[in-house]
């Protein structure tokens, strides 16, 4: 019996020595640096409701094609669309601010996109008494190509996955700096709008923003509404809102 115990004890010691040697050699190569650990933790914390995807880009471009909107090539085309009212200015207000670095010539979007932004900002202000920030709006193909040289995650300037900013239907709203409650509120609001087929949202990680393409049917739907049902911010998983949920009056955006 003592002999068996001695053999077992020797085996355990040998296994410990082998494992100890491995941890000091082979595993030492894989030991994470603080920087790599921080990088992995950031990815673990990133759980957006609307991840950017190839499919989402296809949906956005399909809506642009349905509306027969041009992809704006340059400043000449951009100015022409402003002049005929096809693009309207985004005006700062009590509920809405604009990123100071955004070129004033590109603080424009389609009229229905502006209505969506104004409605959302007023609902958000009603809930949190804080402004929503617009980080980006219309872009030209020329600007998008320049952006692509500095940001490999930016959408192409051409093709069936081109950036929807090129048609003026999309805005990027600030996500960085929002609390968990505020992010959840935004996600629930967008979930409801997406379920109606009115928007196609993405949550961009590089710039920490909500990229929101607003469909051309938004104004038609808006005209039938006097209130917007909004999910309660303490809900973990949004459901299709019912009339009994929290309701916020529609704002007075451009019609």
Protein backbone atom coordinates (compact mmCIF):
# COMPACT_ATOMS: atom_id res chain seq x y z
CA UNK A 1 0.00 0.00 0.00
CA UNK A 2 2.85 2.34 0.90
CA UNK A 3 4.52 1.47 -2.42
CA UNK A 4 1.39 2.38 -4.38
CA UNK A 5 1.07 5.66 -2.49
CA UNK A 6 4.75 6.40 -3.17
CA UNK A 7 4.28 5.84 -6.90
CA UNK A 8 1.19 8.06 -6.96
CA UNK A 9 2.99 10.80 -5.04
CA UNK A 10 5.96 10.62 -7.41
CA UNK A 11 3.63 10.85 -10.40
CA UNK A 12 1.95 13.97 -8.97
CA UNK A 13 5.32 15.60 -8.31
CA UNK A 14 6.51 14.77 -11.84
CA UNK A 15 3.31 16.18 -13.35
CA UNK A 16 3.71 19.36 -11.33
CA UNK A 17 7.31 19.75 -12.52
CA UNK A 18 6.30 19.21 -16.15
CA UNK A 19 3.44 21.69 -15.92
CA UNK A 20 5.66 24.16 -14.12
CA UNK A 21 8.25 23.89 -16.87
CA UNK A 22 5.64 24.40 -19.56
CA UNK A 23 4.23 27.46 -17.85
CA UNK A 24 7.72 28.92 -17.67
CA UNK A 25 8.55 28.26 -21.35
CA UNK A 26 5.81 27.60 -23.86
CA UNK A 27 3.11 29.50 -21.96
CA UNK A 28 5.47 32.37 -21.28
CA UNK A 29 5.37 33.23 -24.99
CA UNK A 30 1.58 33.59 -24.81
CA UNK A 31 1.51 35.67 -21.64
CA UNK A 32 -0.66 38.72 -22.36
CA UNK A 33 0.75 42.19 -21.96
CA UNK A 34 -1.38 44.80 -20.17
CA UNK A 35 -2.08 46.44 -23.53
CA UNK A 36 -3.36 43.21 -25.08
CA UNK A 37 -5.42 42.43 -22.00
CA UNK A 38 -7.02 45.88 -22.17
CA UNK A 39 -7.76 45.34 -25.88
CA UNK A 40 -9.50 42.01 -25.19
CA UNK A 41 -11.50 43.52 -22.34
CA UNK A 42 -12.71 46.31 -24.62
CA UNK A 43 -13.99 43.73 -27.09
CA UNK A 44 -15.68 41.79 -24.28
CA UNK A 45 -17.52 44.96 -23.24
CA UNK A 46 -18.69 45.68 -26.82
CA UNK A 47 -22.17 44.19 -27.15
CA UNK A 48 -24.12 46.47 -29.52
CA UNK A 49 -27.65 45.71 -30.58
CA UNK A 50 -26.91 46.82 -34.17
CA UNK A 51 -23.57 45.48 -35.35
CA UNK A 52 -22.32 46.82 -38.70
CA UNK A 53 -22.66 44.20 -41.42
CA UNK A 54 -22.54 43.63 -45.16
CA UNK A 55 -26.28 42.88 -45.10
CA UNK A 56 -27.04 46.22 -43.45
CA UNK A 57 -25.11 48.09 -46.16
CA UNK A 58 -27.11 46.24 -48.81
CA UNK A 59 -30.37 47.23 -47.11
CA UNK A 60 -29.33 50.87 -46.95
CA UNK A 61 -28.38 50.97 -50.61
CA UNK A 62 -31.54 49.15 -51.66
CA UNK A 63 -33.60 51.93 -50.05
CA UNK A 64 -31.54 54.60 -51.79
CA UNK A 65 -32.11 52.84 -55.12
CA UNK A 66 -35.84 52.53 -54.39
CA UNK A 67 -36.00 56.27 -53.84
CA UNK A 68 -33.90 56.82 -56.99
CA UNK A 69 -31.53 59.13 -55.14
CA UNK A 70 -28.14 60.01 -56.60
CA UNK A 71 -24.86 59.39 -54.82
CA UNK A 72 -23.50 62.93 -54.57
CA UNK A 73 -20.21 63.09 -56.45
CA UNK A 74 -18.74 66.47 -55.58
CA UNK A 75 -19.30 69.93 -54.16
CA UNK A 76 -21.06 71.13 -57.33
CA UNK A 77 -23.76 68.45 -57.02
CA UNK A 78 -23.97 69.05 -53.27
CA UNK A 79 -24.63 72.76 -53.70
CA UNK A 80 -27.22 72.12 -56.41
CA UNK A 81 -29.21 69.82 -54.09
CA UNK A 82 -29.08 72.46 -51.35
CA UNK A 83 -30.30 75.12 -53.76
CA UNK A 84 -33.38 73.16 -54.88
CA UNK A 85 -34.31 72.10 -51.33
CA UNK A 86 -33.48 68.41 -51.77
CA UNK A 87 -31.05 68.82 -48.87
CA UNK A 88 -31.96 70.89 -45.81
CA UNK A 89 -29.74 72.28 -43.03
CA UNK A 90 -29.46 70.67 -39.62
CA UNK A 91 -29.99 73.49 -37.14
CA UNK A 92 -28.73 73.28 -33.54
CA UNK A 93 -31.43 73.71 -30.90
CA UNK A 94 -32.14 73.17 -27.22
CA UNK A 95 -32.30 69.43 -27.90
CA UNK A 96 -29.68 69.08 -30.63
CA UNK A 97 -26.04 70.05 -31.10
CA UNK A 98 -23.54 69.51 -33.90
CA UNK A 99 -19.94 68.32 -33.60
CA UNK A 100 -17.88 71.51 -33.96
CA UNK A 101 -15.42 69.88 -36.37
CA UNK A 102 -18.14 68.94 -38.88
CA UNK A 103 -17.72 71.06 -42.00
CA UNK A 104 -20.64 73.56 -42.19
CA UNK A 105 -21.10 72.69 -45.87
CA UNK A 106 -21.95 69.11 -44.85
CA UNK A 107 -24.40 69.88 -42.05
CA UNK A 108 -27.25 68.91 -44.38
CA UNK A 109 -29.52 65.92 -44.97
CA UNK A 110 -32.78 64.89 -46.63
CA UNK A 111 -35.96 66.51 -45.20
CA UNK A 112 -37.31 63.25 -43.76
CA UNK A 113 -33.95 62.52 -42.14
CA UNK A 114 -34.06 65.92 -40.48
CA UNK A 115 -37.57 65.20 -39.18
CA UNK A 116 -36.33 61.92 -37.70
CA UNK A 117 -33.35 63.62 -36.02
CA UNK A 118 -35.54 66.37 -34.56
CA UNK A 119 -38.12 63.87 -33.28
CA UNK A 120 -35.47 61.65 -31.71
CA UNK A 121 -33.60 64.56 -30.12
CA UNK A 122 -36.80 65.92 -28.56
CA UNK A 123 -37.76 62.50 -27.19
CA UNK A 124 -34.23 62.04 -25.83
CA UNK A 125 -34.24 65.50 -24.25
CA UNK A 126 -37.65 64.78 -22.71
CA UNK A 127 -36.17 61.67 -21.05
CA UNK A 128 -32.65 62.82 -20.08
CA UNK A 129 -32.67 66.64 -20.36
CA UNK A 130 -29.54 66.42 -22.50
CA UNK A 131 -28.80 67.13 -26.15
CA UNK A 132 -28.12 64.58 -28.87
CA UNK A 133 -25.04 65.35 -30.97
CA UNK A 134 -24.80 65.00 -34.76
CA UNK A 135 -21.29 63.91 -35.73
CA UNK A 136 -21.77 63.47 -39.48
CA UNK A 137 -24.41 63.92 -42.16
CA UNK A 138 -24.21 64.22 -45.96
CA UNK A 139 -20.94 63.40 -47.72
CA UNK A 140 -19.72 63.47 -51.30
CA UNK A 141 -17.98 60.60 -53.06
CA UNK A 142 -14.82 62.69 -53.00
CA UNK A 143 -15.02 63.09 -49.21
CA UNK A 144 -15.79 59.38 -48.72
CA UNK A 145 -12.76 58.32 -50.74
CA UNK A 146 -10.56 60.59 -48.63
CA UNK A 147 -12.09 59.14 -45.46
CA UNK A 148 -11.35 55.62 -46.69
CA UNK A 149 -7.65 56.43 -46.85
CA UNK A 150 -7.61 57.16 -43.12
CA UNK A 151 -10.28 54.74 -41.89
CA UNK A 152 -10.17 51.19 -43.25
CA UNK A 153 -13.58 50.47 -41.67
CA UNK A 154 -15.34 53.21 -43.63
CA UNK A 155 -17.85 52.03 -46.24
CA UNK A 156 -16.87 52.18 -49.92
CA UNK A 157 -17.66 55.20 -52.08
CA UNK A 158 -19.11 53.04 -54.86
CA UNK A 159 -20.99 49.79 -55.42
CA UNK A 160 -23.90 48.08 -53.69
CA UNK A 161 -22.31 48.57 -50.26
CA UNK A 162 -21.44 52.26 -50.71
CA UNK A 163 -21.88 54.62 -47.77
CA UNK A 164 -25.48 55.82 -47.43
CA UNK A 165 -24.10 59.22 -46.35
CA UNK A 166 -23.58 59.84 -50.08
CA UNK A 167 -27.33 60.15 -50.63
CA UNK A 168 -27.95 62.46 -47.66
CA UNK A 169 -30.30 60.03 -45.92
CA UNK A 170 -27.94 59.17 -43.05
CA UNK A 171 -26.63 60.80 -39.89
CA UNK A 172 -24.13 59.68 -37.29
CA UNK A 173 -25.19 60.47 -33.73
CA UNK A 174 -22.73 60.54 -30.84
CA UNK A 175 -22.55 57.35 -28.76
CA UNK A 176 -19.32 58.05 -26.89
CA UNK A 177 -19.94 59.44 -23.42
CA UNK A 178 -23.49 58.13 -23.09
CA UNK A 179 -24.38 56.18 -19.96
CA UNK A 180 -25.55 52.56 -20.17
CA UNK A 181 -29.09 53.75 -19.60
CA UNK A 182 -28.84 56.29 -22.40
CA UNK A 183 -27.35 53.77 -24.84
CA UNK A 184 -30.08 51.28 -23.96
CA UNK A 185 -32.74 53.96 -24.48
CA UNK A 186 -31.30 54.80 -27.92
CA UNK A 187 -31.14 51.14 -28.89
CA UNK A 188 -34.75 50.58 -27.87
CA UNK A 189 -35.90 53.67 -29.77
CA UNK A 190 -34.06 52.51 -32.90
CA UNK A 191 -35.27 48.94 -32.43
CA UNK A 192 -38.85 50.18 -32.61
CA UNK A 193 -38.18 52.30 -35.70
CA UNK A 194 -36.33 49.45 -37.39
CA UNK A 195 -39.19 47.04 -36.65
CA UNK A 196 -41.43 49.39 -38.63
CA UNK A 197 -38.97 49.44 -41.51
CA UNK A 198 -38.30 53.16 -41.07
CA UNK A 199 -34.57 53.13 -40.26
CA UNK A 200 -31.52 50.92 -40.72
CA UNK A 201 -29.13 51.56 -37.79
CA UNK A 202 -25.59 50.45 -37.03
CA UNK A 203 -23.44 51.05 -33.97
CA UNK A 204 -19.94 51.93 -35.11
CA UNK A 205 -17.20 50.98 -32.69
CA UNK A 206 -14.29 52.94 -34.14
CA UNK A 207 -16.01 56.30 -33.76
CA UNK A 208 -18.53 55.23 -31.09
CA UNK A 209 -21.58 56.52 -32.89
CA UNK A 210 -25.04 55.48 -34.02
CA UNK A 211 -25.06 55.40 -37.82
CA UNK A 212 -28.71 55.75 -38.85
CA UNK A 213 -30.08 55.54 -42.39
CA UNK A 214 -33.62 56.98 -42.43
CA UNK A 215 -35.98 55.50 -45.01
CA UNK A 216 -38.13 57.59 -47.31
CA UNK A 217 -41.35 56.33 -45.68
CA UNK A 218 -40.57 58.07 -42.40
CA UNK A 219 -42.53 61.24 -43.25
CA UNK A 220 -45.52 59.22 -44.46
CA UNK A 221 -45.56 57.28 -41.18
CA UNK A 222 -44.93 60.45 -39.20
CA UNK A 223 -48.01 62.15 -40.59
CA UNK A 224 -50.16 59.41 -39.06
CA UNK A 225 -48.64 59.78 -35.58
CA UNK A 226 -49.29 62.08 -32.66
CA UNK A 227 -47.09 60.09 -30.25
CA UNK A 228 -44.09 57.80 -30.42
CA UNK A 229 -44.22 54.69 -28.19
CA UNK A 230 -40.85 54.24 -26.51
CA UNK A 231 -39.53 51.26 -24.57
CA UNK A 232 -38.87 51.85 -20.91
CA UNK A 233 -35.11 52.28 -20.44
CA UNK A 234 -34.98 49.71 -17.63
CA UNK A 235 -35.95 46.87 -19.99
CA UNK A 236 -33.06 44.59 -20.91
CA UNK A 237 -34.54 43.33 -24.16
CA UNK A 238 -36.78 45.55 -26.28
CA UNK A 239 -40.09 44.23 -27.49
CA UNK A 240 -42.33 45.71 -30.15
CA UNK A 241 -43.84 48.60 -28.19
CA UNK A 242 -47.49 48.54 -27.22
CA UNK A 243 -49.70 51.61 -26.76
CA UNK A 244 -49.54 51.17 -22.98
CA UNK A 245 -45.81 51.91 -22.87
CA UNK A 246 -44.18 55.25 -22.23
CA UNK A 247 -45.21 57.74 -24.91
CA UNK A 248 -43.49 60.93 -26.00
CA UNK A 249 -45.08 63.62 -28.14
CA UNK A 250 -43.70 64.09 -31.62
CA UNK A 251 -41.61 67.19 -32.09
CA UNK A 252 -42.19 69.98 -34.52
CA UNK A 253 -39.67 69.05 -37.17
CA UNK A 254 -39.71 70.29 -40.75
CA UNK A 255 -42.62 68.86 -42.69
